[in-house]
N, C-alpha and C. Protein backbone atom coordinates (compact mmCIF):
# COMPACT_ATOMS: atom_id res chain seq x y z
N MET A 1 191.74 27.00 -42.04
CA MET A 1 190.64 26.16 -41.63
C MET A 1 189.48 26.33 -42.60
N ALA A 2 188.83 25.24 -42.93
CA ALA A 2 187.66 25.29 -43.80
C ALA A 2 186.47 25.79 -42.99
N VAL A 3 185.69 26.69 -43.58
CA VAL A 3 184.53 27.27 -42.90
C VAL A 3 183.32 27.19 -43.83
N GLU A 4 182.19 26.84 -43.24
CA GLU A 4 180.92 26.81 -43.97
C GLU A 4 180.03 27.89 -43.38
N ILE A 5 179.48 28.73 -44.26
CA ILE A 5 178.48 29.71 -43.85
C ILE A 5 177.23 29.38 -44.65
N GLU A 6 176.22 28.91 -43.96
CA GLU A 6 175.05 28.37 -44.65
C GLU A 6 173.78 28.83 -43.97
N ARG A 7 172.82 29.23 -44.77
CA ARG A 7 171.49 29.56 -44.26
C ARG A 7 170.51 28.54 -44.83
N LYS A 8 169.51 28.22 -44.04
CA LYS A 8 168.57 27.15 -44.37
C LYS A 8 167.15 27.66 -44.26
N PHE A 9 166.30 27.26 -45.24
CA PHE A 9 164.92 27.73 -45.31
C PHE A 9 164.00 26.58 -45.67
N LEU A 10 162.75 26.67 -45.27
CA LEU A 10 161.73 25.76 -45.76
C LEU A 10 161.37 26.19 -47.18
N VAL A 11 160.77 25.29 -47.94
CA VAL A 11 160.44 25.55 -49.35
C VAL A 11 158.93 25.49 -49.54
N ILE A 12 158.43 26.42 -50.33
CA ILE A 12 157.01 26.48 -50.67
C ILE A 12 156.87 26.08 -52.13
N GLY A 13 155.97 25.16 -52.42
CA GLY A 13 155.77 24.72 -53.80
C GLY A 13 156.77 23.65 -54.21
N GLN A 14 156.95 23.50 -55.52
CA GLN A 14 157.84 22.47 -56.06
C GLN A 14 158.76 23.05 -57.13
N PRO A 15 159.66 23.95 -56.76
CA PRO A 15 160.51 24.60 -57.76
C PRO A 15 161.54 23.66 -58.39
N TRP A 16 161.71 22.46 -57.84
CA TRP A 16 162.72 21.55 -58.34
C TRP A 16 162.26 20.72 -59.53
N LEU A 17 161.00 20.77 -59.87
CA LEU A 17 160.51 19.99 -61.01
C LEU A 17 161.30 20.37 -62.26
N GLN A 18 161.66 19.39 -63.06
CA GLN A 18 162.41 19.58 -64.30
C GLN A 18 163.88 19.94 -64.07
N VAL A 19 164.40 19.69 -62.88
CA VAL A 19 165.80 19.97 -62.58
C VAL A 19 166.49 18.63 -62.31
N PRO A 20 167.72 18.43 -62.83
CA PRO A 20 168.42 17.16 -62.55
C PRO A 20 168.58 16.94 -61.04
N GLU A 21 168.62 15.68 -60.66
CA GLU A 21 168.65 15.32 -59.24
C GLU A 21 169.82 14.40 -58.94
N VAL A 22 170.20 14.34 -57.66
CA VAL A 22 171.18 13.39 -57.16
C VAL A 22 170.60 12.81 -55.87
N VAL A 23 170.59 11.47 -55.79
CA VAL A 23 170.07 10.80 -54.60
C VAL A 23 171.20 10.70 -53.57
N TYR A 24 170.89 11.07 -52.33
CA TYR A 24 171.85 11.05 -51.23
C TYR A 24 171.43 10.04 -50.18
N ARG A 25 172.42 9.39 -49.60
CA ARG A 25 172.25 8.59 -48.38
C ARG A 25 173.39 9.01 -47.46
N GLN A 26 173.04 9.30 -46.22
CA GLN A 26 174.09 9.71 -45.29
C GLN A 26 173.77 9.24 -43.89
N GLY A 27 174.83 9.02 -43.15
CA GLY A 27 174.70 8.60 -41.76
C GLY A 27 175.76 9.29 -40.92
N TYR A 28 175.64 9.11 -39.62
CA TYR A 28 176.51 9.82 -38.68
C TYR A 28 177.28 8.84 -37.81
N LEU A 29 178.60 9.00 -37.82
CA LEU A 29 179.48 8.23 -36.95
C LEU A 29 179.59 8.91 -35.58
N ASN A 30 179.30 10.21 -35.54
CA ASN A 30 179.34 10.97 -34.30
C ASN A 30 178.39 12.16 -34.45
N ARG A 31 177.53 12.36 -33.44
CA ARG A 31 176.62 13.52 -33.40
C ARG A 31 176.80 14.27 -32.09
N ASP A 32 178.01 14.39 -31.64
CA ASP A 32 178.32 15.11 -30.42
C ASP A 32 177.94 16.58 -30.59
N LYS A 33 177.65 17.29 -29.50
CA LYS A 33 177.27 18.71 -29.60
C LYS A 33 178.40 19.57 -30.14
N THR A 34 179.63 19.13 -30.00
CA THR A 34 180.77 19.94 -30.45
C THR A 34 181.26 19.55 -31.84
N ARG A 35 180.76 18.41 -32.37
CA ARG A 35 181.19 18.00 -33.71
C ARG A 35 180.26 16.91 -34.24
N THR A 36 180.16 16.85 -35.55
CA THR A 36 179.50 15.72 -36.19
C THR A 36 180.46 15.14 -37.21
N VAL A 37 180.38 13.82 -37.38
CA VAL A 37 181.17 13.13 -38.39
C VAL A 37 180.17 12.39 -39.27
N ARG A 38 180.11 12.80 -40.53
CA ARG A 38 179.10 12.29 -41.46
C ARG A 38 179.77 11.51 -42.58
N VAL A 39 179.09 10.44 -43.00
CA VAL A 39 179.46 9.68 -44.19
C VAL A 39 178.33 9.89 -45.19
N ARG A 40 178.69 10.26 -46.43
CA ARG A 40 177.66 10.56 -47.42
C ARG A 40 177.98 9.88 -48.74
N VAL A 41 176.94 9.27 -49.32
CA VAL A 41 177.01 8.78 -50.69
C VAL A 41 176.07 9.67 -51.49
N ALA A 42 176.63 10.33 -52.51
CA ALA A 42 175.87 11.24 -53.37
C ALA A 42 176.03 10.75 -54.79
N GLY A 43 174.99 10.04 -55.28
CA GLY A 43 175.13 9.43 -56.60
C GLY A 43 176.21 8.38 -56.55
N ASP A 44 177.25 8.53 -57.38
CA ASP A 44 178.35 7.56 -57.38
C ASP A 44 179.61 8.12 -56.71
N ALA A 45 179.46 9.18 -55.91
CA ALA A 45 180.57 9.77 -55.18
C ALA A 45 180.33 9.58 -53.67
N ALA A 46 181.42 9.61 -52.90
CA ALA A 46 181.29 9.43 -51.45
C ALA A 46 182.24 10.38 -50.72
N PHE A 47 181.81 10.79 -49.51
CA PHE A 47 182.56 11.79 -48.75
C PHE A 47 182.50 11.49 -47.26
N LEU A 48 183.56 11.88 -46.56
CA LEU A 48 183.60 11.90 -45.11
C LEU A 48 183.68 13.37 -44.72
N THR A 49 182.78 13.81 -43.83
CA THR A 49 182.72 15.22 -43.46
C THR A 49 182.71 15.37 -41.95
N ILE A 50 183.53 16.29 -41.47
CA ILE A 50 183.56 16.63 -40.06
C ILE A 50 183.12 18.09 -39.95
N LYS A 51 182.11 18.34 -39.09
CA LYS A 51 181.60 19.70 -38.90
C LYS A 51 181.69 20.07 -37.43
N GLY A 52 182.03 21.34 -37.19
CA GLY A 52 182.11 21.86 -35.82
C GLY A 52 180.80 22.47 -35.38
N VAL A 53 180.86 23.19 -34.27
CA VAL A 53 179.69 23.84 -33.67
C VAL A 53 179.26 25.04 -34.51
N ASN A 54 177.96 25.22 -34.66
CA ASN A 54 177.44 26.41 -35.33
C ASN A 54 177.60 27.62 -34.43
N VAL A 55 178.11 28.69 -35.01
CA VAL A 55 178.12 30.00 -34.36
C VAL A 55 177.39 30.91 -35.34
N GLY A 56 176.12 31.15 -35.07
CA GLY A 56 175.27 31.82 -36.05
C GLY A 56 175.06 30.86 -37.21
N ALA A 57 175.39 31.29 -38.41
CA ALA A 57 175.27 30.44 -39.60
C ALA A 57 176.63 29.89 -40.03
N THR A 58 177.66 30.04 -39.18
CA THR A 58 179.02 29.67 -39.52
C THR A 58 179.51 28.50 -38.68
N ARG A 59 180.29 27.61 -39.30
CA ARG A 59 180.93 26.53 -38.55
C ARG A 59 182.10 25.99 -39.36
N ALA A 60 183.01 25.33 -38.67
CA ALA A 60 184.13 24.67 -39.34
C ALA A 60 183.59 23.45 -40.08
N GLU A 61 184.11 23.22 -41.29
CA GLU A 61 183.70 22.06 -42.06
C GLU A 61 184.90 21.53 -42.83
N PHE A 62 185.13 20.22 -42.71
CA PHE A 62 186.20 19.55 -43.43
C PHE A 62 185.57 18.38 -44.17
N GLU A 63 185.70 18.36 -45.49
CA GLU A 63 185.07 17.30 -46.29
C GLU A 63 186.10 16.68 -47.22
N TYR A 64 186.11 15.34 -47.24
CA TYR A 64 187.11 14.61 -48.01
C TYR A 64 186.43 13.52 -48.85
N PRO A 65 186.79 13.41 -50.13
CA PRO A 65 186.27 12.30 -50.92
C PRO A 65 186.87 10.99 -50.43
N ILE A 66 186.06 9.94 -50.40
CA ILE A 66 186.53 8.61 -50.01
C ILE A 66 186.00 7.60 -51.02
N PRO A 67 186.62 6.42 -51.09
CA PRO A 67 186.13 5.39 -52.01
C PRO A 67 184.68 5.00 -51.67
N LEU A 68 183.90 4.75 -52.70
CA LEU A 68 182.50 4.39 -52.52
C LEU A 68 182.35 3.14 -51.65
N ALA A 69 183.20 2.14 -51.85
CA ALA A 69 183.13 0.92 -51.04
C ALA A 69 183.38 1.22 -49.57
N ASP A 70 184.32 2.13 -49.28
CA ASP A 70 184.56 2.52 -47.89
C ASP A 70 183.33 3.21 -47.30
N ALA A 71 182.70 4.08 -48.08
CA ALA A 71 181.51 4.79 -47.60
C ALA A 71 180.40 3.80 -47.28
N GLU A 72 180.20 2.82 -48.13
CA GLU A 72 179.14 1.82 -47.87
C GLU A 72 179.42 1.07 -46.58
N ALA A 73 180.70 0.70 -46.35
CA ALA A 73 181.06 0.01 -45.11
C ALA A 73 180.87 0.92 -43.91
N LEU A 74 181.23 2.19 -44.03
CA LEU A 74 181.06 3.14 -42.93
C LEU A 74 179.59 3.41 -42.63
N LEU A 75 178.74 3.45 -43.66
CA LEU A 75 177.31 3.65 -43.43
C LEU A 75 176.74 2.56 -42.53
N ALA A 76 177.28 1.35 -42.67
CA ALA A 76 176.81 0.24 -41.83
C ALA A 76 177.21 0.42 -40.36
N LEU A 77 178.22 1.27 -40.10
CA LEU A 77 178.67 1.53 -38.73
C LEU A 77 177.97 2.72 -38.08
N CYS A 78 177.16 3.44 -38.83
CA CYS A 78 176.53 4.66 -38.32
C CYS A 78 175.54 4.36 -37.22
N ASP A 79 175.44 5.29 -36.26
CA ASP A 79 174.52 5.12 -35.14
C ASP A 79 173.19 5.80 -35.46
N GLY A 80 172.21 5.01 -35.71
CA GLY A 80 170.89 5.55 -36.03
C GLY A 80 170.56 5.38 -37.49
N PRO A 81 169.32 5.67 -37.83
CA PRO A 81 168.87 5.51 -39.22
C PRO A 81 169.62 6.45 -40.16
N LEU A 82 169.67 6.07 -41.42
CA LEU A 82 170.29 6.91 -42.44
C LEU A 82 169.31 7.98 -42.88
N ILE A 83 169.86 9.09 -43.33
CA ILE A 83 169.07 10.14 -43.96
C ILE A 83 169.03 9.84 -45.45
N GLU A 84 167.82 9.86 -46.02
CA GLU A 84 167.65 9.67 -47.45
C GLU A 84 166.99 10.92 -48.01
N LYS A 85 167.58 11.44 -49.08
CA LYS A 85 167.01 12.64 -49.69
C LYS A 85 167.47 12.74 -51.13
N THR A 86 166.74 13.54 -51.88
CA THR A 86 167.13 13.84 -53.26
C THR A 86 167.47 15.32 -53.30
N ARG A 87 168.64 15.62 -53.86
CA ARG A 87 169.10 17.01 -53.92
C ARG A 87 168.96 17.55 -55.34
N TYR A 88 168.47 18.78 -55.40
CA TYR A 88 168.32 19.51 -56.66
C TYR A 88 169.10 20.82 -56.53
N LEU A 89 169.82 21.20 -57.57
CA LEU A 89 170.56 22.45 -57.59
C LEU A 89 169.82 23.44 -58.46
N LEU A 90 169.49 24.60 -57.88
CA LEU A 90 168.78 25.65 -58.61
C LEU A 90 169.57 26.94 -58.50
N ASP A 91 169.64 27.68 -59.59
CA ASP A 91 170.26 29.00 -59.59
C ASP A 91 169.16 30.05 -59.61
N HIS A 92 169.30 31.04 -58.74
CA HIS A 92 168.34 32.14 -58.70
C HIS A 92 169.10 33.44 -58.51
N ALA A 93 169.00 34.33 -59.47
CA ALA A 93 169.61 35.66 -59.40
C ALA A 93 171.09 35.60 -59.01
N GLY A 94 171.81 34.66 -59.62
CA GLY A 94 173.24 34.54 -59.38
C GLY A 94 173.64 33.77 -58.13
N THR A 95 172.68 33.17 -57.46
CA THR A 95 172.96 32.40 -56.24
C THR A 95 172.57 30.94 -56.46
N ARG A 96 173.45 30.03 -56.06
CA ARG A 96 173.18 28.59 -56.16
C ARG A 96 172.48 28.11 -54.91
N TRP A 97 171.33 27.46 -55.09
CA TRP A 97 170.54 26.89 -54.00
C TRP A 97 170.57 25.38 -54.09
N GLU A 98 170.66 24.72 -52.94
CA GLU A 98 170.54 23.27 -52.85
C GLU A 98 169.20 22.98 -52.19
N LEU A 99 168.33 22.27 -52.91
CA LEU A 99 167.03 21.90 -52.37
C LEU A 99 167.05 20.41 -52.06
N ASP A 100 166.75 20.07 -50.82
CA ASP A 100 166.73 18.68 -50.38
C ASP A 100 165.29 18.26 -50.14
N VAL A 101 164.86 17.25 -50.89
CA VAL A 101 163.54 16.66 -50.74
C VAL A 101 163.76 15.34 -50.00
N PHE A 102 163.33 15.28 -48.75
CA PHE A 102 163.62 14.15 -47.90
C PHE A 102 162.67 12.98 -48.18
N ALA A 103 163.15 11.77 -47.91
CA ALA A 103 162.38 10.54 -48.09
C ALA A 103 162.36 9.79 -46.75
N GLY A 104 161.76 8.60 -46.77
CA GLY A 104 161.71 7.78 -45.56
C GLY A 104 160.93 8.46 -44.47
N GLU A 105 161.45 8.41 -43.25
CA GLU A 105 160.75 9.00 -42.10
C GLU A 105 160.76 10.52 -42.11
N ASN A 106 161.52 11.11 -43.01
CA ASN A 106 161.54 12.57 -43.13
C ASN A 106 160.77 13.05 -44.36
N ALA A 107 160.01 12.15 -44.98
CA ALA A 107 159.21 12.51 -46.16
C ALA A 107 158.27 13.66 -45.81
N GLY A 108 158.11 14.57 -46.76
CA GLY A 108 157.27 15.75 -46.56
C GLY A 108 158.09 16.98 -46.22
N LEU A 109 159.33 16.79 -45.84
CA LEU A 109 160.20 17.91 -45.50
C LEU A 109 161.02 18.29 -46.74
N VAL A 110 161.00 19.57 -47.08
CA VAL A 110 161.79 20.10 -48.19
C VAL A 110 162.51 21.34 -47.66
N VAL A 111 163.83 21.34 -47.78
CA VAL A 111 164.66 22.42 -47.23
C VAL A 111 165.57 22.96 -48.33
N ALA A 112 165.73 24.27 -48.36
CA ALA A 112 166.66 24.93 -49.28
C ALA A 112 167.82 25.49 -48.47
N GLU A 113 169.03 25.28 -48.98
CA GLU A 113 170.23 25.81 -48.33
C GLU A 113 171.00 26.65 -49.31
N VAL A 114 171.61 27.70 -48.79
CA VAL A 114 172.48 28.55 -49.60
C VAL A 114 173.77 28.74 -48.82
N GLU A 115 174.90 28.54 -49.50
CA GLU A 115 176.20 28.79 -48.88
C GLU A 115 176.65 30.19 -49.27
N LEU A 116 177.15 30.92 -48.27
CA LEU A 116 177.49 32.32 -48.45
C LEU A 116 178.97 32.58 -48.15
N GLU A 117 179.45 33.71 -48.61
CA GLU A 117 180.83 34.12 -48.33
C GLU A 117 180.94 34.77 -46.95
N SER A 118 179.84 35.37 -46.48
CA SER A 118 179.80 35.98 -45.16
C SER A 118 178.36 35.89 -44.64
N GLU A 119 178.20 35.99 -43.33
CA GLU A 119 176.85 35.88 -42.75
C GLU A 119 175.94 37.01 -43.18
N ASP A 120 176.50 38.17 -43.48
CA ASP A 120 175.66 39.30 -43.87
C ASP A 120 175.58 39.50 -45.38
N GLN A 121 176.03 38.51 -46.14
CA GLN A 121 175.95 38.61 -47.61
C GLN A 121 174.49 38.70 -48.05
N ALA A 122 174.19 39.67 -48.89
CA ALA A 122 172.84 39.84 -49.41
C ALA A 122 172.60 38.84 -50.55
N PHE A 123 171.35 38.41 -50.68
CA PHE A 123 170.96 37.55 -51.79
C PHE A 123 169.49 37.79 -52.08
N ALA A 124 169.12 37.55 -53.33
CA ALA A 124 167.72 37.70 -53.73
C ALA A 124 166.95 36.47 -53.25
N ARG A 125 165.82 36.71 -52.60
CA ARG A 125 164.98 35.61 -52.09
C ARG A 125 164.07 35.10 -53.20
N PRO A 126 164.20 33.83 -53.57
CA PRO A 126 163.26 33.27 -54.55
C PRO A 126 161.85 33.27 -53.97
N ASP A 127 160.84 33.29 -54.82
CA ASP A 127 159.45 33.32 -54.33
C ASP A 127 159.04 32.01 -53.68
N TRP A 128 159.82 30.95 -53.88
CA TRP A 128 159.51 29.66 -53.28
C TRP A 128 160.17 29.47 -51.91
N LEU A 129 160.83 30.49 -51.41
CA LEU A 129 161.50 30.40 -50.12
C LEU A 129 160.52 30.67 -49.00
N GLY A 130 160.46 29.76 -48.04
CA GLY A 130 159.59 29.92 -46.88
C GLY A 130 160.36 30.43 -45.68
N ASP A 131 159.94 30.00 -44.50
CA ASP A 131 160.55 30.45 -43.25
C ASP A 131 162.01 30.02 -43.15
N GLU A 132 162.83 30.88 -42.54
CA GLU A 132 164.22 30.51 -42.30
C GLU A 132 164.29 29.62 -41.06
N VAL A 133 165.08 28.54 -41.16
CA VAL A 133 165.24 27.58 -40.06
C VAL A 133 166.71 27.34 -39.74
N THR A 134 167.57 28.29 -40.12
CA THR A 134 169.01 28.15 -39.91
C THR A 134 169.34 27.80 -38.46
N GLN A 135 168.71 28.46 -37.52
CA GLN A 135 169.04 28.29 -36.10
C GLN A 135 168.21 27.21 -35.41
N ASP A 136 167.28 26.59 -36.12
CA ASP A 136 166.41 25.58 -35.53
C ASP A 136 167.07 24.20 -35.66
N ALA A 137 167.61 23.70 -34.56
CA ALA A 137 168.38 22.45 -34.56
C ALA A 137 167.57 21.25 -35.03
N ARG A 138 166.25 21.32 -34.97
CA ARG A 138 165.44 20.20 -35.46
C ARG A 138 165.73 19.89 -36.92
N TYR A 139 166.12 20.91 -37.69
CA TYR A 139 166.32 20.75 -39.13
C TYR A 139 167.75 20.33 -39.49
N PHE A 140 168.64 20.19 -38.50
CA PHE A 140 169.98 19.69 -38.79
C PHE A 140 169.83 18.23 -39.21
N ASN A 141 170.49 17.83 -40.26
CA ASN A 141 170.41 16.45 -40.72
C ASN A 141 170.79 15.46 -39.62
N SER A 142 171.78 15.83 -38.80
CA SER A 142 172.20 14.93 -37.72
C SER A 142 171.06 14.70 -36.73
N ASN A 143 170.19 15.69 -36.52
CA ASN A 143 169.03 15.51 -35.65
C ASN A 143 167.89 14.78 -36.35
N LEU A 144 167.72 15.03 -37.65
CA LEU A 144 166.66 14.34 -38.39
C LEU A 144 166.88 12.83 -38.43
N ALA A 145 168.14 12.39 -38.29
CA ALA A 145 168.42 10.95 -38.27
C ALA A 145 167.82 10.28 -37.05
N VAL A 146 167.76 10.98 -35.91
CA VAL A 146 167.25 10.37 -34.68
C VAL A 146 165.90 10.92 -34.24
N HIS A 147 165.52 12.08 -34.77
CA HIS A 147 164.21 12.69 -34.48
C HIS A 147 163.57 13.06 -35.81
N PRO A 148 163.11 12.05 -36.57
CA PRO A 148 162.61 12.31 -37.93
C PRO A 148 161.36 13.19 -37.96
N TYR A 149 161.22 13.86 -39.06
CA TYR A 149 160.15 14.81 -39.32
C TYR A 149 158.76 14.21 -39.07
N CYS A 150 158.56 12.95 -39.44
CA CYS A 150 157.23 12.33 -39.29
C CYS A 150 156.80 12.19 -37.84
N ARG A 151 157.74 12.32 -36.89
CA ARG A 151 157.41 12.17 -35.48
C ARG A 151 157.23 13.49 -34.75
N TRP A 152 157.40 14.60 -35.48
CA TRP A 152 157.21 15.91 -34.85
C TRP A 152 155.73 16.13 -34.60
N ALA A 153 155.40 16.65 -33.45
CA ALA A 153 153.99 16.94 -33.14
C ALA A 153 153.49 18.06 -34.03
N THR A 154 154.27 19.13 -34.15
CA THR A 154 153.91 20.25 -35.03
C THR A 154 155.18 20.72 -35.72
N PRO A 155 155.31 20.44 -37.01
CA PRO A 155 156.53 20.88 -37.72
C PRO A 155 156.63 22.38 -37.81
């Protein structure tokens, strides 16, 4: 079984400046509490992803490349607004970080994610890393689609 172990943090400053970017659009065909089914267009690539329930920072994840035309058609079937963001990849002390700068109704939100081999894997914290939000469901992309950042009373 495919497993994702991911920790998520808020970002301080703008460490992504001068780093290549990829524009993402994604939507959800299912946002059930026990699973999500996501369609994502990342640049000129497209993927269908099924994710299970989070247990700590771990969950089942199955991701498959799909034709771009299929992804565009599936995005039209998604329930709720699409998530729009620009992703930047940064390396820090041997660890790859994905920084997502959100657009649209989630503008102003910047989140850094790191995928790990185990939940207790040590990593060097970059100085631009803010509060950890791994367990805060508000920051799940599937929730941001229906409860966007701009509508939060206090982020």
